[in-house]
Amino acid sequence: MIWMTVAAILALMTVFPLLWMVSIAFKGAQESFSPALLPSAPTWSNFVYVLTEVPFIRYMLNSLFVSVTVTVVALFFHSMAGYALARLRFPAGN
């Protein structure tokens, strides 16, 4: 029972930021900083603003470029480090 309680608390800690983010997306500007989890008057205006007045596709492409570049560079360097650790003998390696 203790492990189930710990797992439930950890699951809630993991999911809560996502729920908070979705909740704020549906809040208006007046209540965006209110501590209530559910908005009193849900609105779609935030989504309309992002999809019509902000270069959203450009921001997504920038994020894709950065994430792909970081992943490729990290794979390159990590594979070299893995090869060195597997093939070379280091002092106190055991």
C-alpha atoms as a PDB file:
ATOM      1  CA  MET A   1       0.000   0.000   0.000  1.00  0.00           C
ATOM      2  CA  ILE A   2       2.903   2.338   0.705  1.00  0.00           C
ATOM      3  CA  TRP A   3       4.369   1.770  -2.769  1.00  0.00           C
ATOM      4  CA  MET A   4       1.009   2.481  -4.385  1.00  0.00           C
ATOM      5  CA  THR A   5       0.744   5.741  -2.452  1.00  0.00           C
ATOM      6  CA  VAL A   6       4.267   6.769  -3.463  1.00  0.00           C
ATOM      7  CA  ALA A   7       3.537   5.854  -7.094  1.00  0.00           C
ATOM      8  CA  ALA A   8       0.290   7.848  -7.058  1.00  0.00           C
ATOM      9  CA  ILE A   9       2.047  10.898  -5.628  1.00  0.00           C
ATOM     10  CA  LEU A  10       4.819  10.661  -8.233  1.00  0.00           C
ATOM     11  CA  ALA A  11       2.262  10.237 -11.019  1.00  0.00           C
ATOM     12  CA  LEU A  12       0.384  13.310  -9.822  1.00  0.00           C
ATOM     13  CA  MET A  13       3.622  15.299  -9.660  1.00  0.00           C
ATOM     14  CA  THR A  14       4.352  14.261 -13.234  1.00  0.00           C
ATOM     15  CA  VAL A  15       0.916  14.987 -14.690  1.00  0.00           C
ATOM     16  CA  PHE A  16       0.087  18.172 -12.763  1.00  0.00           C
ATOM     17  CA  PRO A  17       2.287  20.557 -14.853  1.00  0.00           C
ATOM     18  CA  LEU A  18       0.613  19.282 -18.024  1.00  0.00           C
ATOM     19  CA  LEU A  19      -2.841  19.833 -16.545  1.00  0.00           C
ATOM     20  CA  TRP A  20      -1.806  23.298 -15.369  1.00  0.00           C
ATOM     21  CA  MET A  21      -0.543  24.173 -18.861  1.00  0.00           C
ATOM     22  CA  VAL A  22      -3.783  23.035 -20.526  1.00  0.00           C
ATOM     23  CA  SER A  23      -5.816  24.913 -17.935  1.00  0.00           C
ATOM     24  CA  ILE A  24      -3.936  28.161 -18.531  1.00  0.00           C
ATOM     25  CA  ALA A  25      -4.349  27.767 -22.297  1.00  0.00           C
ATOM     26  CA  PHE A  26      -8.117  28.034 -21.863  1.00  0.00           C
ATOM     27  CA  LYS A  27      -8.027  31.003 -19.445  1.00  0.00           C
ATOM     28  CA  GLY A  28      -8.488  34.597 -20.465  1.00  0.00           C
ATOM     29  CA  ALA A  29      -5.922  37.310 -19.807  1.00  0.00           C
ATOM     30  CA  GLN A  30      -7.703  38.474 -16.654  1.00  0.00           C
ATOM     31  CA  GLU A  31      -7.536  35.137 -14.873  1.00  0.00           C
ATOM     32  CA  SER A  32      -4.305  33.696 -16.265  1.00  0.00           C
ATOM     33  CA  PHE A  33      -2.507  34.164 -12.942  1.00  0.00           C
ATOM     34  CA  SER A  34      -5.359  33.006 -10.734  1.00  0.00           C
ATOM     35  CA  PRO A  35      -4.589  29.916  -8.612  1.00  0.00           C
ATOM     36  CA  ALA A  36      -7.779  28.116  -9.688  1.00  0.00           C
ATOM     37  CA  LEU A  37      -7.088  25.028 -11.777  1.00  0.00           C
ATOM     38  CA  LEU A  38     -10.259  25.266 -13.871  1.00  0.00           C
ATOM     39  CA  PRO A  39     -11.025  28.485 -15.751  1.00  0.00           C
ATOM     40  CA  SER A  40     -14.276  30.215 -14.829  1.00  0.00           C
ATOM     41  CA  ALA A  41     -14.988  31.149 -18.465  1.00  0.00           C
ATOM     42  CA  PRO A  42     -13.037  28.903 -20.888  1.00  0.00           C
ATOM     43  CA  THR A  43     -12.069  30.621 -24.118  1.00  0.00           C
ATOM     44  CA  TRP A  44     -10.513  29.616 -27.445  1.00  0.00           C
ATOM     45  CA  SER A  45      -9.119  33.107 -28.112  1.00  0.00           C
ATOM     46  CA  ASN A  46      -5.580  32.108 -27.084  1.00  0.00           C
ATOM     47  CA  PHE A  47      -5.512  29.383 -29.727  1.00  0.00           C
ATOM     48  CA  VAL A  48      -6.949  31.698 -32.372  1.00  0.00           C
ATOM     49  CA  TYR A  49      -4.292  34.303 -31.531  1.00  0.00           C
ATOM     50  CA  VAL A  50      -1.415  31.817 -31.784  1.00  0.00           C
ATOM     51  CA  LEU A  51      -2.609  30.275 -35.045  1.00  0.00           C
ATOM     52  CA  THR A  52      -3.476  33.548 -36.817  1.00  0.00           C
ATOM     53  CA  GLU A  53      -1.288  36.374 -35.503  1.00  0.00           C
ATOM     54  CA  VAL A  54       1.954  34.654 -34.480  1.00  0.00           C
ATOM     55  CA  PRO A  55       4.368  32.937 -36.924  1.00  0.00           C
ATOM     56  CA  PHE A  56       3.647  29.608 -35.243  1.00  0.00           C
ATOM     57  CA  ILE A  57       4.935  27.411 -38.092  1.00  0.00           C
ATOM     58  CA  ARG A  58       8.228  29.316 -38.080  1.00  0.00           C
ATOM     59  CA  TYR A  59       8.607  28.783 -34.332  1.00  0.00           C
ATOM     60  CA  MET A  60       7.912  25.069 -34.752  1.00  0.00           C
ATOM     61  CA  LEU A  61      10.496  24.779 -37.522  1.00  0.00           C
ATOM     62  CA  ASN A  62      13.069  26.593 -35.368  1.00  0.00           C
ATOM     63  CA  SER A  63      12.395  24.179 -32.505  1.00  0.00           C
ATOM     64  CA  LEU A  64      12.657  21.201 -34.873  1.00  0.00           C
ATOM     65  CA  PHE A  65      15.978  22.473 -36.248  1.00  0.00           C
ATOM     66  CA  VAL A  66      17.457  22.984 -32.788  1.00  0.00           C
ATOM     67  CA  SER A  67      16.291  19.616 -31.449  1.00  0.00           C
ATOM     68  CA  VAL A  68      17.507  17.675 -34.507  1.00  0.00           C
ATOM     69  CA  THR A  69      20.878  19.458 -34.456  1.00  0.00           C
ATOM     70  CA  VAL A  70      21.412  18.819 -30.749  1.00  0.00           C
ATOM     71  CA  THR A  71      20.405  15.167 -31.138  1.00  0.00           C
ATOM     72  CA  VAL A  72      22.753  14.534 -34.069  1.00  0.00           C
ATOM     73  CA  VAL A  73      25.703  16.263 -32.388  1.00  0.00           C
ATOM     74  CA  ALA A  74      25.058  14.421 -29.105  1.00  0.00           C
ATOM     75  CA  LEU A  75      24.853  11.056 -30.903  1.00  0.00           C
ATOM     76  CA  PHE A  76      28.134  11.788 -32.661  1.00  0.00           C
ATOM     77  CA  PHE A  77      30.039  12.663 -29.496  1.00  0.00           C
ATOM     78  CA  HIS A  78      28.384   9.997 -27.346  1.00  0.00           C
ATOM     79  CA  SER A  79      29.209   7.275 -29.848  1.00  0.00           C
ATOM     80  CA  MET A  80      32.849   8.363 -29.847  1.00  0.00           C
ATOM     81  CA  ALA A  81      32.918   8.320 -26.042  1.00  0.00           C
ATOM     82  CA  GLY A  82      31.240   4.916 -25.974  1.00  0.00           C
ATOM     83  CA  TYR A  83      33.777   3.510 -28.401  1.00  0.00           C
ATOM     84  CA  ALA A  84      36.645   4.871 -26.314  1.00  0.00           C
ATOM     85  CA  LEU A  85      35.197   3.446 -23.107  1.00  0.00           C
ATOM     86  CA  ALA A  86      34.621   0.042 -24.719  1.00  0.00           C
ATOM     87  CA  ARG A  87      37.962  -0.366 -26.523  1.00  0.00           C
ATOM     88  CA  LEU A  88      40.564   1.531 -24.543  1.00  0.00           C
ATOM     89  CA  ARG A  89      41.978   0.541 -21.178  1.00  0.00           C
ATOM     90  CA  PHE A  90      41.909   3.244 -18.520  1.00  0.00           C
ATOM     91  CA  PRO A  91      43.697   3.214 -15.154  1.00  0.00           C
ATOM     92  CA  ALA A  92      41.386   1.867 -12.399  1.00  0.00           C
ATOM     93  CA  GLY A  93      39.027   0.613 -15.128  1.00  0.00           C
ATOM     94  CA  ASN A  94      37.945  -2.380 -13.125  1.00  0.00           C
END
